[in-house]
Amino acid sequence: MGIIPRMPVTDSLLHTSSPDRATFEIETKLLQLGKQAIAGVDEAGRGPLAGPVTAAAVILNPHNFPDGLDDSKKLTERKREILFEKILQTSHVAWCSLNANEIDRLNIRAASLRAMEMSVHALEVKPDYAMIDGRDVPGKLTDIARAYIKGDARSLSIAAASIVAKVIRDRMMVEADKLFPEYGFASHKGYGSQKHRDAIKQHGPCPLHRRSFAPIKQMIAAL
């Protein structure tokens, strides 16, 4: 068997045009370049007015990963739940959530990057390459990571991470609904729906609300 040469990882090799759905193309090229443990990393919950931001890191088994993986936003809740369980059965997975207090303290961008960084460091297998969805790479991952714009629509590894992060965060918000039923967290997951905004105006913010976010600041000021 021949030895695969370790070539430098360059933009021309990795940054291909976005396909109709996520593929394993980028990961295959990385494997050919000598990378062995490739983590996809994504987050869920940057935009909501309440609840945590949750990040996940997933190292897929190149020879055994679930059929139907794709960007979590393109999947139904039922399909995400099924794939979530299959990902856990076949992959190395870790996740991290930062709550509303941490988001207010750090700001949402920094909190998202911190959660991504922590999820990678929590993996049972140390990755030698991490694919980060978006434009930014967490500061402590710059030696092994690269950012991929719309990565969850291009890479199966990042798509898998997007599913894990979304399912975990959604489950947390369903549990939050039991503690604070007046806000309807189970239905809108903390996003700024009219029902959610009306509930904040009626009841005020709860400990899960992100007080640094402009809509919450404005509603608090109006109370």
N, C-alpha and C. Protein backbone atom coordinates (compact mmCIF):
# COMPACT_ATOMS: atom_id res chain seq x y z
N MET A 1 0.86 -1.20 0.00
CA MET A 1 0.00 0.00 0.00
C MET A 1 0.89 1.24 0.00
N GLY A 2 0.59 2.21 -0.87
CA GLY A 2 1.38 3.42 -0.95
C GLY A 2 1.10 4.35 0.22
N ILE A 3 2.04 5.22 0.49
CA ILE A 3 1.91 6.20 1.56
C ILE A 3 1.34 7.49 0.98
N ILE A 4 0.30 8.02 1.60
CA ILE A 4 -0.30 9.28 1.15
C ILE A 4 0.58 10.42 1.62
N PRO A 5 1.10 11.26 0.73
CA PRO A 5 1.97 12.36 1.17
C PRO A 5 1.20 13.39 1.95
N ARG A 6 1.86 13.99 2.94
CA ARG A 6 1.24 15.05 3.74
C ARG A 6 1.48 16.38 3.04
N MET A 7 0.46 16.85 2.33
CA MET A 7 0.54 18.10 1.58
C MET A 7 -0.05 19.22 2.41
N PRO A 8 0.34 20.46 2.18
CA PRO A 8 -0.27 21.57 2.89
C PRO A 8 -1.75 21.70 2.55
N VAL A 9 -2.56 22.03 3.55
CA VAL A 9 -3.99 22.21 3.33
C VAL A 9 -4.22 23.61 2.81
N THR A 10 -4.66 23.76 1.59
CA THR A 10 -4.79 25.06 0.96
C THR A 10 -6.24 25.35 0.63
N ASP A 11 -6.54 26.64 0.44
CA ASP A 11 -7.90 27.04 0.09
C ASP A 11 -8.36 26.38 -1.21
N SER A 12 -7.47 26.26 -2.18
CA SER A 12 -7.85 25.71 -3.48
C SER A 12 -8.28 24.26 -3.36
N LEU A 13 -7.74 23.56 -2.37
CA LEU A 13 -8.11 22.17 -2.18
C LEU A 13 -9.41 22.01 -1.41
N LEU A 14 -9.69 22.95 -0.52
CA LEU A 14 -10.80 22.75 0.42
C LEU A 14 -12.05 23.54 0.11
N HIS A 15 -11.92 24.75 -0.36
CA HIS A 15 -13.08 25.64 -0.47
C HIS A 15 -13.71 25.51 -1.85
N THR A 16 -14.55 24.50 -1.99
CA THR A 16 -15.25 24.24 -3.24
C THR A 16 -16.58 24.95 -3.24
N SER A 17 -17.24 24.98 -4.38
CA SER A 17 -18.55 25.62 -4.45
C SER A 17 -19.57 24.82 -3.65
N SER A 18 -20.59 25.50 -3.14
CA SER A 18 -21.58 24.86 -2.29
C SER A 18 -22.49 23.96 -3.11
N PRO A 19 -22.61 22.65 -2.76
CA PRO A 19 -23.51 21.76 -3.47
C PRO A 19 -24.95 21.97 -3.04
N ASP A 20 -25.88 21.19 -3.64
CA ASP A 20 -27.29 21.29 -3.27
C ASP A 20 -27.52 20.79 -1.86
N ARG A 21 -26.68 19.86 -1.42
CA ARG A 21 -26.78 19.37 -0.05
C ARG A 21 -25.39 19.02 0.44
N ALA A 22 -25.26 18.86 1.73
CA ALA A 22 -23.96 18.59 2.32
C ALA A 22 -23.39 17.27 1.80
N THR A 23 -22.08 17.21 1.63
CA THR A 23 -21.40 16.00 1.16
C THR A 23 -20.18 15.73 2.05
N PHE A 24 -19.50 14.64 1.76
CA PHE A 24 -18.28 14.27 2.48
C PHE A 24 -17.04 14.61 1.64
N GLU A 25 -17.22 15.48 0.66
CA GLU A 25 -16.14 15.78 -0.28
C GLU A 25 -14.94 16.45 0.40
N ILE A 26 -15.20 17.46 1.22
CA ILE A 26 -14.09 18.17 1.87
C ILE A 26 -13.36 17.23 2.81
N GLU A 27 -14.11 16.46 3.58
CA GLU A 27 -13.49 15.52 4.51
C GLU A 27 -12.64 14.48 3.76
N THR A 28 -13.13 14.02 2.62
CA THR A 28 -12.37 13.03 1.84
C THR A 28 -11.02 13.60 1.41
N LYS A 29 -11.02 14.86 0.98
CA LYS A 29 -9.76 15.49 0.59
C LYS A 29 -8.82 15.62 1.78
N LEU A 30 -9.38 15.96 2.93
CA LEU A 30 -8.56 16.08 4.13
C LEU A 30 -7.97 14.74 4.54
N LEU A 31 -8.76 13.68 4.44
CA LEU A 31 -8.26 12.35 4.75
C LEU A 31 -7.12 11.97 3.81
N GLN A 32 -7.25 12.32 2.54
CA GLN A 32 -6.20 12.04 1.56
C GLN A 32 -4.92 12.82 1.86
N LEU A 33 -5.09 13.96 2.53
CA LEU A 33 -3.94 14.78 2.90
C LEU A 33 -3.29 14.33 4.20
N GLY A 34 -3.83 13.29 4.80
CA GLY A 34 -3.22 12.75 6.01
C GLY A 34 -3.93 13.07 7.30
N LYS A 35 -5.00 13.87 7.24
CA LYS A 35 -5.77 14.13 8.45
C LYS A 35 -6.53 12.86 8.83
N GLN A 36 -6.62 12.58 10.13
CA GLN A 36 -7.23 11.34 10.56
C GLN A 36 -8.50 11.55 11.38
N ALA A 37 -8.49 12.50 12.28
CA ALA A 37 -9.66 12.78 13.11
C ALA A 37 -10.16 14.18 12.76
N ILE A 38 -11.23 14.25 11.98
CA ILE A 38 -11.74 15.52 11.46
C ILE A 38 -13.06 15.84 12.16
N ALA A 39 -13.08 16.94 12.88
CA ALA A 39 -14.28 17.34 13.62
C ALA A 39 -15.05 18.41 12.87
N GLY A 40 -16.36 18.21 12.76
CA GLY A 40 -17.24 19.28 12.31
C GLY A 40 -17.79 19.99 13.53
N VAL A 41 -17.89 21.31 13.47
CA VAL A 41 -18.30 22.09 14.63
C VAL A 41 -19.35 23.13 14.22
N ASP A 42 -20.43 23.19 14.97
CA ASP A 42 -21.47 24.18 14.68
C ASP A 42 -22.18 24.54 15.97
N GLU A 43 -22.98 25.61 15.90
CA GLU A 43 -23.73 26.06 17.08
C GLU A 43 -25.19 26.27 16.73
N ALA A 44 -25.99 26.31 17.76
CA ALA A 44 -27.42 26.63 17.62
C ALA A 44 -27.78 27.63 18.70
N GLY A 45 -28.58 28.63 18.33
CA GLY A 45 -29.08 29.55 19.34
C GLY A 45 -28.41 30.89 19.42
N ARG A 46 -27.86 31.38 18.31
CA ARG A 46 -27.27 32.73 18.35
C ARG A 46 -28.36 33.80 18.38
N GLY A 47 -29.47 33.55 17.70
CA GLY A 47 -30.47 34.60 17.51
C GLY A 47 -31.56 34.74 18.55
N PRO A 48 -31.88 33.71 19.34
CA PRO A 48 -33.01 33.82 20.26
C PRO A 48 -32.85 34.90 21.32
N LEU A 49 -33.97 35.29 21.90
CA LEU A 49 -33.98 36.26 22.99
C LEU A 49 -33.78 35.59 24.34
N ALA A 50 -33.89 34.27 24.37
CA ALA A 50 -33.78 33.55 25.64
C ALA A 50 -33.12 32.19 25.42
N GLY A 51 -32.56 31.66 26.50
CA GLY A 51 -31.97 30.34 26.46
C GLY A 51 -30.49 30.36 26.12
N PRO A 52 -29.86 29.20 26.13
CA PRO A 52 -28.42 29.11 25.91
C PRO A 52 -28.05 29.16 24.44
N VAL A 53 -26.77 29.35 24.19
CA VAL A 53 -26.20 29.05 22.88
C VAL A 53 -25.48 27.72 23.06
N THR A 54 -25.70 26.81 22.14
CA THR A 54 -25.19 25.44 22.27
C THR A 54 -24.34 25.10 21.06
N ALA A 55 -23.17 24.57 21.30
CA ALA A 55 -22.27 24.14 20.23
C ALA A 55 -22.02 22.65 20.33
N ALA A 56 -21.74 22.03 19.19
CA ALA A 56 -21.42 20.61 19.17
C ALA A 56 -20.24 20.37 18.24
N ALA A 57 -19.46 19.36 18.58
CA ALA A 57 -18.36 18.90 17.74
C ALA A 57 -18.57 17.42 17.46
N VAL A 58 -18.45 17.02 16.20
CA VAL A 58 -18.71 15.65 15.80
C VAL A 58 -17.59 15.15 14.89
N ILE A 59 -17.04 14.01 15.24
CA ILE A 59 -16.09 13.31 14.36
C ILE A 59 -16.82 12.10 13.79
N LEU A 60 -17.17 12.18 12.52
CA LEU A 60 -17.87 11.08 11.87
C LEU A 60 -16.90 9.92 11.59
N ASN A 61 -17.43 8.72 11.60
CA ASN A 61 -16.70 7.56 11.12
C ASN A 61 -16.78 7.56 9.59
N PRO A 62 -15.65 7.72 8.88
CA PRO A 62 -15.72 7.81 7.41
C PRO A 62 -16.35 6.59 6.75
N HIS A 63 -16.36 5.47 7.46
CA HIS A 63 -16.88 4.22 6.90
C HIS A 63 -18.27 3.87 7.41
N ASN A 64 -18.80 4.70 8.30
CA ASN A 64 -20.10 4.38 8.87
C ASN A 64 -20.73 5.62 9.48
N PHE A 65 -21.42 6.39 8.64
CA PHE A 65 -22.16 7.53 9.18
C PHE A 65 -23.59 7.49 8.64
N PRO A 66 -24.53 8.11 9.34
CA PRO A 66 -25.95 7.97 9.00
C PRO A 66 -26.29 8.53 7.62
N ASP A 67 -27.16 7.85 6.91
CA ASP A 67 -27.72 8.37 5.66
C ASP A 67 -28.67 9.52 5.99
N GLY A 68 -28.72 10.50 5.11
CA GLY A 68 -29.67 11.59 5.27
C GLY A 68 -29.15 12.79 6.03
N LEU A 69 -27.86 12.79 6.41
CA LEU A 69 -27.30 13.96 7.07
C LEU A 69 -27.39 15.19 6.17
N ASP A 70 -27.77 16.30 6.76
CA ASP A 70 -27.80 17.57 6.03
C ASP A 70 -27.93 18.69 7.06
N ASP A 71 -27.80 19.91 6.58
CA ASP A 71 -27.97 21.09 7.42
C ASP A 71 -29.25 20.94 8.24
N SER A 72 -29.15 21.13 9.55
CA SER A 72 -30.30 20.91 10.43
C SER A 72 -31.49 21.77 10.04
N LYS A 73 -31.23 22.95 9.46
CA LYS A 73 -32.32 23.86 9.09
C LYS A 73 -33.16 23.29 7.95
N LYS A 74 -32.62 22.34 7.21
CA LYS A 74 -33.35 21.74 6.08
C LYS A 74 -34.15 20.51 6.48
N LEU A 75 -34.03 20.10 7.74
CA LEU A 75 -34.65 18.86 8.20
C LEU A 75 -35.83 19.13 9.12
N THR A 76 -36.78 18.23 9.12
CA THR A 76 -37.89 18.33 10.06
C THR A 76 -37.40 17.97 11.46
N GLU A 77 -38.16 18.36 12.47
CA GLU A 77 -37.80 18.02 13.84
C GLU A 77 -37.70 16.51 14.01
N ARG A 78 -38.63 15.77 13.44
CA ARG A 78 -38.62 14.31 13.54
C ARG A 78 -37.35 13.73 12.91
N LYS A 79 -36.96 14.23 11.74
CA LYS A 79 -35.77 13.73 11.07
C LYS A 79 -34.52 14.07 11.87
N ARG A 80 -34.48 15.27 12.46
CA ARG A 80 -33.32 15.63 13.29
C ARG A 80 -33.19 14.69 14.48
N GLU A 81 -34.30 14.36 15.11
CA GLU A 81 -34.27 13.49 16.28
C GLU A 81 -33.75 12.10 15.91
N ILE A 82 -34.19 11.58 14.78
CA ILE A 82 -33.74 10.25 14.33
C ILE A 82 -32.24 10.27 14.03
N LEU A 83 -31.80 11.30 13.29
CA LEU A 83 -30.39 11.40 12.94
C LEU A 83 -29.52 11.65 14.17
N PHE A 84 -30.04 12.41 15.12
CA PHE A 84 -29.31 12.67 16.36
C PHE A 84 -28.91 11.35 17.04
N GLU A 85 -29.86 10.45 17.18
CA GLU A 85 -29.58 9.18 17.83
C GLU A 85 -28.58 8.35 17.02
N LYS A 86 -28.68 8.39 15.71
CA LYS A 86 -27.76 7.64 14.87
C LYS A 86 -26.35 8.23 14.93
N ILE A 87 -26.27 9.55 15.00
CA ILE A 87 -24.96 10.20 15.12
C ILE A 87 -24.28 9.77 16.42
N LEU A 88 -25.03 9.76 17.52
CA LEU A 88 -24.48 9.34 18.80
C LEU A 88 -23.98 7.90 18.77
N GLN A 89 -24.64 7.06 17.99
CA GLN A 89 -24.28 5.65 17.92
C GLN A 89 -23.03 5.39 17.08
N THR A 90 -22.73 6.28 16.13
CA THR A 90 -21.67 5.99 15.15
C THR A 90 -20.50 6.96 15.21
N SER A 91 -20.56 8.00 16.01
CA SER A 91 -19.59 9.09 15.94
C SER A 91 -19.05 9.45 17.32
N HIS A 92 -17.96 10.19 17.32
CA HIS A 92 -17.48 10.84 18.54
C HIS A 92 -18.17 12.19 18.63
N VAL A 93 -18.82 12.45 19.76
CA VAL A 93 -19.65 13.66 19.90
C VAL A 93 -19.37 14.33 21.24
N ALA A 94 -19.30 15.65 21.22
CA ALA A 94 -19.24 16.44 22.45
C ALA A 94 -20.01 17.73 22.23
N TRP A 95 -20.49 18.32 23.31
CA TRP A 95 -21.24 19.57 23.18
C TRP A 95 -21.04 20.44 24.40
N CYS A 96 -21.37 21.71 24.24
CA CYS A 96 -21.26 22.68 25.33
C CYS A 96 -22.33 23.74 25.16
N SER A 97 -22.93 24.16 26.27
CA SER A 97 -23.90 25.25 26.26
C SER A 97 -23.44 26.34 27.21
N LEU A 98 -23.64 27.59 26.80
CA LEU A 98 -23.42 28.74 27.68
C LEU A 98 -24.76 29.42 27.90
N ASN A 99 -25.08 29.72 29.14
CA ASN A 99 -26.40 30.26 29.47
C ASN A 99 -26.49 31.76 29.19
N ALA A 100 -27.66 32.29 29.47
CA ALA A 100 -27.93 33.70 29.16
C ALA A 100 -26.99 34.64 29.91
N ASN A 101 -26.66 34.31 31.15
CA ASN A 101 -25.73 35.16 31.92
C ASN A 101 -24.36 35.23 31.24
N GLU A 102 -23.88 34.08 30.75
CA GLU A 102 -22.59 34.05 30.06
C GLU A 102 -22.66 34.81 28.74
N ILE A 103 -23.77 34.68 28.06
CA ILE A 103 -23.95 35.43 26.80
C ILE A 103 -23.93 36.92 27.07
N ASP A 104 -24.62 37.35 28.12
CA ASP A 104 -24.63 38.78 28.47
C ASP A 104 -23.24 39.26 28.88
N ARG A 105 -22.49 38.40 29.54
CA ARG A 105 -21.16 38.79 30.00
C ARG A 105 -20.15 38.87 28.86
N LEU A 106 -20.22 37.93 27.93
CA LEU A 106 -19.21 37.83 26.87
C LEU A 106 -19.62 38.54 25.59
N ASN A 107 -20.87 38.59 25.26
CA ASN A 107 -21.56 38.93 24.01
C ASN A 107 -21.78 37.63 23.23
N ILE A 108 -22.77 37.63 22.36
CA ILE A 108 -23.21 36.38 21.73
C ILE A 108 -22.15 35.81 20.80
N ARG A 109 -21.41 36.65 20.10
CA ARG A 109 -20.36 36.12 19.21
C ARG A 109 -19.29 35.41 20.01
N ALA A 110 -18.81 36.05 21.05
CA ALA A 110 -17.76 35.46 21.87
C ALA A 110 -18.26 34.20 22.58
N ALA A 111 -19.51 34.21 23.03
CA ALA A 111 -20.07 33.05 23.70
C ALA A 111 -20.19 31.87 22.74
N SER A 112 -20.59 32.15 21.51
CA SER A 112 -20.70 31.09 20.51
C SER A 112 -19.34 30.46 20.22
N LEU A 113 -18.33 31.29 20.05
CA LEU A 113 -16.98 30.78 19.78
C LEU A 113 -16.45 30.01 20.98
N ARG A 114 -16.74 30.50 22.18
CA ARG A 114 -16.29 29.81 23.38
C ARG A 114 -16.94 28.44 23.49
N ALA A 115 -18.22 28.35 23.20
CA ALA A 115 -18.92 27.06 23.25
C ALA A 115 -18.36 26.10 22.21
N MET A 116 -18.05 26.60 21.02
CA MET A 116 -17.44 25.75 20.00
C MET A 116 -16.09 25.22 20.46
N GLU A 117 -15.28 26.11 20.99
CA GLU A 117 -13.95 25.73 21.47
C GLU A 117 -14.06 24.66 22.56
N MET A 118 -14.96 24.85 23.50
CA MET A 118 -15.12 23.91 24.60
C MET A 118 -15.63 22.56 24.11
N SER A 119 -16.50 22.57 23.11
CA SER A 119 -17.01 21.30 22.60
C SER A 119 -15.90 20.50 21.92
N VAL A 120 -15.02 21.17 21.19
CA VAL A 120 -13.90 20.48 20.55
C VAL A 120 -12.97 19.88 21.61
N HIS A 121 -12.66 20.66 22.64
CA HIS A 121 -11.76 20.18 23.68
C HIS A 121 -12.39 19.05 24.51
N ALA A 122 -13.71 18.94 24.48
CA ALA A 122 -14.39 17.89 25.24
C ALA A 122 -14.48 16.57 24.49
N LEU A 123 -14.09 16.55 23.23
CA LEU A 123 -14.16 15.31 22.46
C LEU A 123 -13.27 14.23 23.07
N GLU A 124 -13.77 13.03 23.06
CA GLU A 124 -13.03 11.89 23.58
C GLU A 124 -11.77 11.62 22.75
N VAL A 125 -11.87 11.83 21.45
CA VAL A 125 -10.73 11.70 20.54
C VAL A 125 -10.27 13.09 20.15
N LYS A 126 -9.00 13.38 20.30
CA LYS A 126 -8.49 14.69 19.96
C LYS A 126 -8.41 14.85 18.45
N PRO A 127 -9.13 15.82 17.87
CA PRO A 127 -9.07 16.00 16.41
C PRO A 127 -7.77 16.64 15.97
N ASP A 128 -7.33 16.28 14.77
CA ASP A 128 -6.17 16.97 14.21
C ASP A 128 -6.60 18.01 13.18
N TYR A 129 -7.91 18.13 12.99
CA TYR A 129 -8.45 19.18 12.12
C TYR A 129 -9.89 19.44 12.54
N ALA A 130 -10.28 20.71 12.61
CA ALA A 130 -11.65 21.07 12.98
C ALA A 130 -12.22 22.01 11.93
N MET A 131 -13.41 21.68 11.45
CA MET A 131 -14.12 22.48 10.46
C MET A 131 -15.19 23.29 11.19
N ILE A 132 -15.03 24.60 11.22
CA ILE A 132 -15.92 25.47 11.99
C ILE A 132 -16.93 26.13 11.04
N ASP A 133 -18.20 26.00 11.35
CA ASP A 133 -19.20 26.68 10.53
C ASP A 133 -19.14 28.19 10.77
N GLY A 134 -19.17 28.95 9.68
CA GLY A 134 -19.20 30.40 9.80
C GLY A 134 -17.93 31.06 9.30
N ARG A 135 -17.68 32.27 9.82
CA ARG A 135 -16.54 33.08 9.37
C ARG A 135 -15.38 33.10 10.36
N ASP A 136 -15.63 32.70 11.60
CA ASP A 136 -14.64 32.88 12.66
C ASP A 136 -14.16 31.55 13.21
N VAL A 137 -12.90 31.54 13.63
CA VAL A 137 -12.32 30.38 14.30
C VAL A 137 -12.04 30.76 15.75
N PRO A 138 -12.48 29.96 16.72
CA PRO A 138 -12.16 30.26 18.12
C PRO A 138 -10.65 30.40 18.31
N GLY A 139 -10.26 31.36 19.15
CA GLY A 139 -8.85 31.70 19.29
C GLY A 139 -7.95 30.55 19.66
N LYS A 140 -8.42 29.64 20.51
CA LYS A 140 -7.59 28.53 20.96
C LYS A 140 -7.61 27.34 20.01
N LEU A 141 -8.27 27.50 18.85
CA LEU A 141 -8.31 26.42 17.87
C LEU A 141 -7.62 26.80 16.56
N THR A 142 -6.98 27.95 16.53
CA THR A 142 -6.42 28.43 15.26
C THR A 142 -5.35 27.52 14.70
N ASP A 143 -4.72 26.69 15.54
CA ASP A 143 -3.67 25.80 15.04
C ASP A 143 -4.23 24.60 14.30
N ILE A 144 -5.49 24.23 14.56
CA ILE A 144 -6.05 23.04 13.90
C ILE A 144 -7.33 23.31 13.12
N ALA A 145 -7.88 24.51 13.22
CA ALA A 145 -9.22 24.75 12.68
C ALA A 145 -9.24 25.73 11.52
N ARG A 146 -10.30 25.63 10.73
CA ARG A 146 -10.56 26.57 9.66
C ARG A 146 -12.05 26.82 9.58
N ALA A 147 -12.42 28.06 9.25
CA ALA A 147 -13.83 28.43 9.15
C ALA A 147 -14.36 28.14 7.75
N TYR A 148 -15.60 27.69 7.68
CA TYR A 148 -16.26 27.38 6.41
C TYR A 148 -17.59 28.12 6.37
N ILE A 149 -17.69 29.11 5.52
CA ILE A 149 -18.95 29.84 5.36
C ILE A 149 -20.01 28.91 4.81
N LYS A 150 -21.18 28.89 5.45
CA LYS A 150 -22.27 27.98 5.11
C LYS A 150 -21.79 26.53 5.14
N GLY A 151 -20.91 26.25 6.09
CA GLY A 151 -20.35 24.91 6.19
C GLY A 151 -21.37 23.83 6.46
N ASP A 152 -22.46 24.18 7.19
CA ASP A 152 -23.47 23.17 7.50
C ASP A 152 -24.23 22.72 6.26
N ALA A 153 -24.17 23.50 5.18
CA ALA A 153 -24.80 23.12 3.92
C ALA A 153 -23.82 22.45 2.97
N ARG A 154 -22.54 22.38 3.35
CA ARG A 154 -21.50 21.85 2.47
C ARG A 154 -20.86 20.57 2.99
N SER A 155 -20.70 20.48 4.30
CA SER A 155 -19.94 19.40 4.92
C SER A 155 -20.84 18.52 5.79
N LEU A 156 -20.76 17.21 5.61
CA LEU A 156 -21.55 16.30 6.43
C LEU A 156 -21.13 16.35 7.90
N SER A 157 -19.84 16.58 8.15
CA SER A 157 -19.38 16.65 9.54
C SER A 157 -19.98 17.86 10.25
N ILE A 158 -19.97 19.01 9.57
CA ILE A 158 -20.57 20.21 10.16
C ILE A 158 -22.08 20.06 10.25
N ALA A 159 -22.69 19.44 9.23
CA ALA A 159 -24.14 19.20 9.27
C ALA A 159 -24.50 18.34 10.47
N ALA A 160 -23.70 17.31 10.73
CA ALA A 160 -23.96 16.46 11.89
C ALA A 160 -23.87 17.26 13.18
N ALA A 161 -22.86 18.14 13.27
CA ALA A 161 -22.74 18.99 14.46
C ALA A 161 -23.93 19.94 14.59
N SER A 162 -24.42 20.43 13.47
CA SER A 162 -25.58 21.33 13.51
C SER A 162 -26.81 20.61 14.03
N ILE A 163 -26.97 19.34 13.68
CA ILE A 163 -28.10 18.54 14.15
C ILE A 163 -27.98 18.31 15.66
N VAL A 164 -26.80 17.92 16.11
CA VAL A 164 -26.60 17.66 17.54
C VAL A 164 -26.86 18.92 18.36
N ALA A 165 -26.29 20.05 17.93
CA ALA A 165 -26.46 21.29 18.67
C ALA A 165 -27.94 21.71 18.71
N LYS A 166 -28.61 21.59 17.58
CA LYS A 166 -30.02 21.99 17.50
C LYS A 166 -30.90 21.11 18.38
N VAL A 167 -30.71 19.80 18.30
CA VAL A 167 -31.56 18.88 19.08
C VAL A 167 -31.34 19.09 20.58
N ILE A 168 -30.09 19.21 21.00
CA ILE A 168 -29.81 19.40 22.42
C ILE A 168 -30.41 20.71 22.91
N ARG A 169 -30.22 21.79 22.15
CA ARG A 169 -30.76 23.07 22.59
C ARG A 169 -32.29 23.04 22.63
N ASP A 170 -32.91 22.46 21.61
CA ASP A 170 -34.38 22.38 21.59
C ASP A 170 -34.89 21.61 22.80
N ARG A 171 -34.22 20.52 23.15
CA ARG A 171 -34.64 19.74 24.32
C ARG A 171 -34.50 20.56 25.59
N MET A 172 -33.46 21.36 25.68
CA MET A 172 -33.28 22.21 26.86
C MET A 172 -34.40 23.24 26.96
N MET A 173 -34.84 23.76 25.82
CA MET A 173 -35.90 24.76 25.85
C MET A 173 -37.25 24.13 26.18
N VAL A 174 -37.45 22.88 25.80
CA VAL A 174 -38.67 22.17 26.20
C VAL A 174 -38.69 22.00 27.71
N GLU A 175 -37.54 21.67 28.30
CA GLU A 175 -37.46 21.57 29.75
C GLU A 175 -37.66 22.93 30.41
N ALA A 176 -37.12 23.98 29.78
CA ALA A 176 -37.30 25.33 30.32
C ALA A 176 -38.78 25.72 30.35
N ASP A 177 -39.54 25.22 29.41
CA ASP A 177 -40.97 25.52 29.36
C ASP A 177 -41.70 25.01 30.61
N LYS A 178 -41.17 23.93 31.19
CA LYS A 178 -41.78 23.39 32.41
C LYS A 178 -41.53 24.31 33.60
N LEU A 179 -40.40 25.01 33.58
CA LEU A 179 -40.07 25.93 34.67
C LEU A 179 -40.75 27.28 34.49
N PHE A 180 -40.88 27.71 33.24
CA PHE A 180 -41.46 29.03 32.95
C PHE A 180 -42.53 28.88 31.86
N PRO A 181 -43.65 28.21 32.16
CA PRO A 181 -44.65 27.91 31.14
C PRO A 181 -45.31 29.13 30.52
N GLU A 182 -45.26 30.26 31.23
CA GLU A 182 -45.95 31.46 30.72
C GLU A 182 -45.31 32.02 29.46
N TYR A 183 -44.07 31.60 29.12
CA TYR A 183 -43.40 32.18 27.95
C TYR A 183 -43.53 31.32 26.69
N GLY A 184 -43.95 30.08 26.81
CA GLY A 184 -44.13 29.24 25.63
C GLY A 184 -42.83 28.77 24.99
N PHE A 185 -41.79 28.55 25.79
CA PHE A 185 -40.49 28.17 25.25
C PHE A 185 -40.52 26.90 24.41
N ALA A 186 -41.40 25.97 24.73
CA ALA A 186 -41.45 24.71 24.00
C ALA A 186 -41.82 24.91 22.54
N SER A 187 -42.59 25.96 22.26
CA SER A 187 -43.03 26.18 20.88
C SER A 187 -42.05 27.02 20.07
N HIS A 188 -41.54 28.11 20.65
CA HIS A 188 -40.68 28.99 19.86
C HIS A 188 -39.19 28.87 20.19
N LYS A 189 -38.85 28.08 21.22
CA LYS A 189 -37.46 27.79 21.61
C LYS A 189 -36.67 29.04 21.98
N GLY A 190 -37.37 30.10 22.37
CA GLY A 190 -36.69 31.32 22.80
C GLY A 190 -36.54 32.37 21.73
N TYR A 191 -36.92 32.06 20.49
CA TYR A 191 -36.84 33.05 19.42
C TYR A 191 -37.90 34.14 19.61
N GLY A 192 -37.73 35.24 18.91
CA GLY A 192 -38.54 36.42 19.15
C GLY A 192 -39.87 36.43 18.45
N SER A 193 -40.66 35.39 18.59
CA SER A 193 -41.99 35.37 18.01
C SER A 193 -42.88 36.41 18.70
N GLN A 194 -43.99 36.73 18.07
CA GLN A 194 -44.90 37.70 18.67
C GLN A 194 -45.45 37.18 19.99
N LYS A 195 -45.73 35.88 20.03
CA LYS A 195 -46.23 35.26 21.26
C LYS A 195 -45.20 35.44 22.39
N HIS A 196 -43.94 35.24 22.07
CA HIS A 196 -42.88 35.38 23.06
C HIS A 196 -42.75 36.82 23.52
N ARG A 197 -42.76 37.77 22.59
CA ARG A 197 -42.63 39.19 22.95
C ARG A 197 -43.81 39.64 23.80
N ASP A 198 -45.00 39.16 23.47
CA ASP A 198 -46.17 39.53 24.25
C ASP A 198 -46.05 39.00 25.68
N ALA A 199 -45.50 37.79 25.82
CA ALA A 199 -45.34 37.20 27.15
C ALA A 199 -44.33 37.99 27.98
N ILE A 200 -43.26 38.46 27.34
CA ILE A 200 -42.27 39.27 28.06
C ILE A 200 -42.89 40.58 28.52
N LYS A 201 -43.69 41.19 27.66
CA LYS A 201 -44.36 42.44 28.04
C LYS A 201 -45.31 42.23 29.21
N GLN A 202 -45.96 41.08 29.24
CA GLN A 202 -46.94 40.80 30.29
C GLN A 202 -46.27 40.39 31.60
N HIS A 203 -45.23 39.56 31.52
CA HIS A 203 -44.63 38.97 32.73
C HIS A 203 -43.24 39.51 33.07
N GLY A 204 -42.66 40.28 32.16
CA GLY A 204 -41.28 40.69 32.35
C GLY A 204 -40.33 39.56 31.98
N PRO A 205 -39.03 39.83 31.91
CA PRO A 205 -38.08 38.78 31.55
C PRO A 205 -37.85 37.82 32.71
N CYS A 206 -37.49 36.59 32.38
CA CYS A 206 -37.14 35.59 33.38
C CYS A 206 -35.62 35.38 33.36
N PRO A 207 -35.06 34.55 34.22
CA PRO A 207 -33.60 34.37 34.25
C PRO A 207 -33.00 33.82 32.95
N LEU A 208 -33.82 33.27 32.08
CA LEU A 208 -33.31 32.72 30.82
C LEU A 208 -33.17 33.77 29.73
N HIS A 209 -33.70 34.96 29.96
CA HIS A 209 -33.66 35.98 28.91
C HIS A 209 -32.31 36.68 28.84
N ARG A 210 -31.91 37.02 27.63
CA ARG A 210 -30.63 37.66 27.36
C ARG A 210 -30.82 39.18 27.47
N ARG A 211 -30.47 39.71 28.60
CA ARG A 211 -30.75 41.11 28.88
C ARG A 211 -29.86 42.07 28.09
N SER A 212 -28.80 41.56 27.49
CA SER A 212 -27.95 42.41 26.66
C SER A 212 -28.50 42.59 25.25
N PHE A 213 -29.51 41.80 24.88
CA PHE A 213 -30.08 41.90 23.54
C PHE A 213 -31.02 43.10 23.48
N ALA A 214 -30.93 43.86 22.40
CA ALA A 214 -31.68 45.11 22.29
C ALA A 214 -33.18 44.95 22.52
N PRO A 215 -33.86 43.96 21.94
CA PRO A 215 -35.31 43.86 22.18
C PRO A 215 -35.65 43.67 23.67
N ILE A 216 -34.82 42.92 24.40
CA ILE A 216 -35.08 42.72 25.82
C ILE A 216 -34.81 44.02 26.58
N LYS A 217 -33.72 44.70 26.24
CA LYS A 217 -33.42 45.99 26.87
C LYS A 217 -34.59 46.96 26.69
N GLN A 218 -35.10 47.01 25.49
CA GLN A 218 -36.19 47.94 25.19
C GLN A 218 -37.45 47.58 25.96
N MET A 219 -37.75 46.28 26.05
CA MET A 219 -38.96 45.87 26.77
C MET A 219 -38.82 46.09 28.27
N ILE A 220 -37.60 45.89 28.80
CA ILE A 220 -37.37 46.15 30.23
C ILE A 220 -37.55 47.65 30.52
N ALA A 221 -37.03 48.48 29.62
CA ALA A 221 -37.14 49.92 29.81
C ALA A 221 -38.59 50.39 29.76
N ALA A 222 -39.42 49.67 29.01
CA ALA A 222 -40.82 50.07 28.85
C ALA A 222 -41.72 49.57 29.98
N LEU A 223 -41.19 48.65 30.80
CA LEU A 223 -42.03 48.07 31.87
C LEU A 223 -42.25 49.09 33.00
